[in-house]
Structures are given as structure tokens and as C-alpha cells.
């Protein structure tokens, strides 16, 4: 799964969002309680403009790790941009 996350993240950064979402969705099926996988998928989905879908992934990740600041920041960005139609930049 770790390799899938790396590949999915690289594809997201290069704008190959359909491929990224496909790979990361498979990773989530394999490890549904993996915060990194859920967050990476949320970022890819948000980058594709599906903020509602991204918010669902970020909220799922926060349920698993409520103190995770990266996930919290990405959730805030997705909520802010939901009506603006802008891709979400990955919080670091």
C-alpha cells in the first residue's frame, strides 16, 4: 500500500488525477483505516474538484486520528474551497 500511496501522490502532483484516484481508491479498499491513504485520496479527489468527496475522506481520517493537523488543514481547505471550484493544495 505504501508504494501505491507514493505513486498516487506523484500522479496527483502531475495532474493525472483519474489514475491517482483509481490507485488510491484501491489502497483504501486494502487498508480502510489508514489515515495516510485516506488523506492522499482526499487530496486527489479535491484536486479533481470533488470537494464533497474529499471532505468525506478527510472526516474519515480525522475519526481515526483526531489530532492530525495535516488532515485538519486539508479538511478546512476543502470546506473553504467547496464553492470556489479551486483545487486544494496539499497542506504540509
C-alpha atoms as a PDB file:
ATOM      1  CA  UNK A   1       0.000   0.000   0.000  1.00  0.00           C
ATOM      2  CA  UNK A   2       2.888   2.358   0.752  1.00  0.00           C
ATOM      3  CA  UNK A   3       4.040   2.158  -2.877  1.00  0.00           C
ATOM      4  CA  UNK A   4       0.504   2.839  -4.046  1.00  0.00           C
ATOM      5  CA  UNK A   5       0.357   5.972  -1.900  1.00  0.00           C
ATOM      6  CA  UNK A   6       3.672   7.186  -3.315  1.00  0.00           C
ATOM      7  CA  UNK A   7       2.524   6.588  -6.866  1.00  0.00           C
ATOM      8  CA  UNK A   8      -0.900   8.114  -6.222  1.00  0.00           C
ATOM      9  CA  UNK A   9       0.672  11.210  -4.674  1.00  0.00           C
ATOM     10  CA  UNK A  10       3.067  11.602  -7.608  1.00  0.00           C
ATOM     11  CA  UNK A  11       0.207  11.246 -10.084  1.00  0.00           C
ATOM     12  CA  UNK A  12      -1.823  13.835  -8.169  1.00  0.00           C
ATOM     13  CA  UNK A  13       1.068  16.299  -8.251  1.00  0.00           C
ATOM     14  CA  UNK A  14       1.445  15.842 -12.011  1.00  0.00           C
ATOM     15  CA  UNK A  15      -2.276  16.289 -12.659  1.00  0.00           C
ATOM     16  CA  UNK A  16      -3.014  12.674 -13.577  1.00  0.00           C
ATOM     17  CA  UNK A  17      -5.990  12.682 -11.277  1.00  0.00           C
ATOM     18  CA  UNK A  18      -8.076   9.824 -12.666  1.00  0.00           C
ATOM     19  CA  UNK A  19      -5.138   7.446 -12.329  1.00  0.00           C
ATOM     20  CA  UNK A  20      -4.277   8.785  -8.875  1.00  0.00           C
ATOM     21  CA  UNK A  21      -7.840   8.374  -7.629  1.00  0.00           C
ATOM     22  CA  UNK A  22      -8.041   4.848  -9.028  1.00  0.00           C
ATOM     23  CA  UNK A  23      -4.800   3.730  -7.375  1.00  0.00           C
ATOM     24  CA  UNK A  24      -5.577   5.424  -4.054  1.00  0.00           C
ATOM     25  CA  UNK A  25      -9.124   4.035  -4.020  1.00  0.00           C
ATOM     26  CA  UNK A  26      -7.668   0.548  -4.348  1.00  0.00           C
ATOM     27  CA  UNK A  27      -5.295   1.329  -1.475  1.00  0.00           C
ATOM     28  CA  UNK A  28      -8.245   2.410   0.697  1.00  0.00           C
ATOM     29  CA  UNK A  29     -10.011  -0.876  -0.017  1.00  0.00           C
ATOM     30  CA  UNK A  30      -6.895  -2.725   1.137  1.00  0.00           C
ATOM     31  CA  UNK A  31      -6.332  -0.544   4.223  1.00  0.00           C
ATOM     32  CA  UNK A  32      -9.546   1.353   5.052  1.00  0.00           C
ATOM     33  CA  UNK A  33      -8.223   2.535   8.435  1.00  0.00           C
ATOM     34  CA  UNK A  34      -5.007   4.028   7.061  1.00  0.00           C
ATOM     35  CA  UNK A  35      -5.016   7.784   7.710  1.00  0.00           C
ATOM     36  CA  UNK A  36      -2.295   8.472   5.125  1.00  0.00           C
ATOM     37  CA  UNK A  37      -4.191   6.591   2.416  1.00  0.00           C
ATOM     38  CA  UNK A  38      -7.468   8.354   3.208  1.00  0.00           C
ATOM     39  CA  UNK A  39      -5.772  11.743   3.248  1.00  0.00           C
ATOM     40  CA  UNK A  40      -3.936  11.125  -0.017  1.00  0.00           C
ATOM     41  CA  UNK A  41      -7.182  10.036  -1.663  1.00  0.00           C
ATOM     42  CA  UNK A  42      -8.941  13.112  -0.279  1.00  0.00           C
ATOM     43  CA  UNK A  43      -6.265  15.378  -1.757  1.00  0.00           C
ATOM     44  CA  UNK A  44      -6.539  13.694  -5.169  1.00  0.00           C
ATOM     45  CA  UNK A  45     -10.327  13.928  -5.118  1.00  0.00           C
ATOM     46  CA  UNK A  46     -10.219  17.588  -4.073  1.00  0.00           C
ATOM     47  CA  UNK A  47      -7.699  18.322  -6.819  1.00  0.00           C
ATOM     48  CA  UNK A  48     -10.248  16.896  -9.261  1.00  0.00           C
ATOM     49  CA  UNK A  49     -12.816  19.372  -7.915  1.00  0.00           C
ATOM     50  CA  UNK A  50     -14.929  16.944  -5.860  1.00  0.00           C
ATOM     51  CA  UNK A  51     -14.762  18.780  -2.557  1.00  0.00           C
ATOM     52  CA  UNK A  52     -17.686  16.890  -1.036  1.00  0.00           C
ATOM     53  CA  UNK A  53     -15.958  13.570  -1.717  1.00  0.00           C
ATOM     54  CA  UNK A  54     -12.681  14.939  -0.355  1.00  0.00           C
ATOM     55  CA  UNK A  55     -14.370  16.163   2.809  1.00  0.00           C
ATOM     56  CA  UNK A  56     -15.774  12.665   3.387  1.00  0.00           C
ATOM     57  CA  UNK A  57     -12.261  11.166   3.183  1.00  0.00           C
ATOM     58  CA  UNK A  58     -10.729  13.826   5.428  1.00  0.00           C
ATOM     59  CA  UNK A  59     -13.501  13.372   8.007  1.00  0.00           C
ATOM     60  CA  UNK A  60     -12.939   9.595   7.960  1.00  0.00           C
ATOM     61  CA  UNK A  61      -9.212  10.167   8.518  1.00  0.00           C
ATOM     62  CA  UNK A  62      -9.914  12.541  11.412  1.00  0.00           C
ATOM     63  CA  UNK A  63     -12.171   9.977  13.074  1.00  0.00           C
ATOM     64  CA  UNK A  64      -9.148   7.664  13.115  1.00  0.00           C
ATOM     65  CA  UNK A  65      -6.645  10.354  14.172  1.00  0.00           C
ATOM     66  CA  UNK A  66      -8.485  13.372  15.638  1.00  0.00           C
ATOM     67  CA  UNK A  67      -5.259  15.251  16.443  1.00  0.00           C
ATOM     68  CA  UNK A  68      -3.789  15.049  12.922  1.00  0.00           C
ATOM     69  CA  UNK A  69      -3.098  18.650  11.906  1.00  0.00           C
ATOM     70  CA  UNK A  70      -2.381  17.870   8.240  1.00  0.00           C
ATOM     71  CA  UNK A  71      -5.762  16.193   7.828  1.00  0.00           C
ATOM     72  CA  UNK A  72      -7.471  19.004   9.735  1.00  0.00           C
ATOM     73  CA  UNK A  73      -5.845  21.623   7.488  1.00  0.00           C
ATOM     74  CA  UNK A  74      -6.846  19.767   4.338  1.00  0.00           C
ATOM     75  CA  UNK A  75     -10.413  19.441   5.632  1.00  0.00           C
ATOM     76  CA  UNK A  76     -10.557  23.185   6.313  1.00  0.00           C
ATOM     77  CA  UNK A  77      -9.202  23.986   2.844  1.00  0.00           C
ATOM     78  CA  UNK A  78     -11.707  21.659   1.168  1.00  0.00           C
ATOM     79  CA  UNK A  79     -14.592  23.221   3.080  1.00  0.00           C
ATOM     80  CA  UNK A  80     -13.408  26.731   2.200  1.00  0.00           C
ATOM     81  CA  UNK A  81     -12.998  25.921  -1.472  1.00  0.00           C
ATOM     82  CA  UNK A  82     -16.122  23.847  -1.871  1.00  0.00           C
ATOM     83  CA  UNK A  83     -17.930  26.703  -3.602  1.00  0.00           C
ATOM     84  CA  UNK A  84     -14.926  28.260  -5.334  1.00  0.00           C
ATOM     85  CA  UNK A  85     -14.016  25.438  -7.717  1.00  0.00           C
ATOM     86  CA  UNK A  86     -10.274  25.670  -6.970  1.00  0.00           C
ATOM     87  CA  UNK A  87      -8.005  22.649  -6.459  1.00  0.00           C
ATOM     88  CA  UNK A  88      -6.871  22.090  -2.898  1.00  0.00           C
ATOM     89  CA  UNK A  89      -3.136  22.426  -2.290  1.00  0.00           C
ATOM     90  CA  UNK A  90      -1.695  19.751  -0.051  1.00  0.00           C
ATOM     91  CA  UNK A  91      -1.130  21.060   3.455  1.00  0.00           C
ATOM     92  CA  UNK A  92       2.325  20.392   4.832  1.00  0.00           C
END
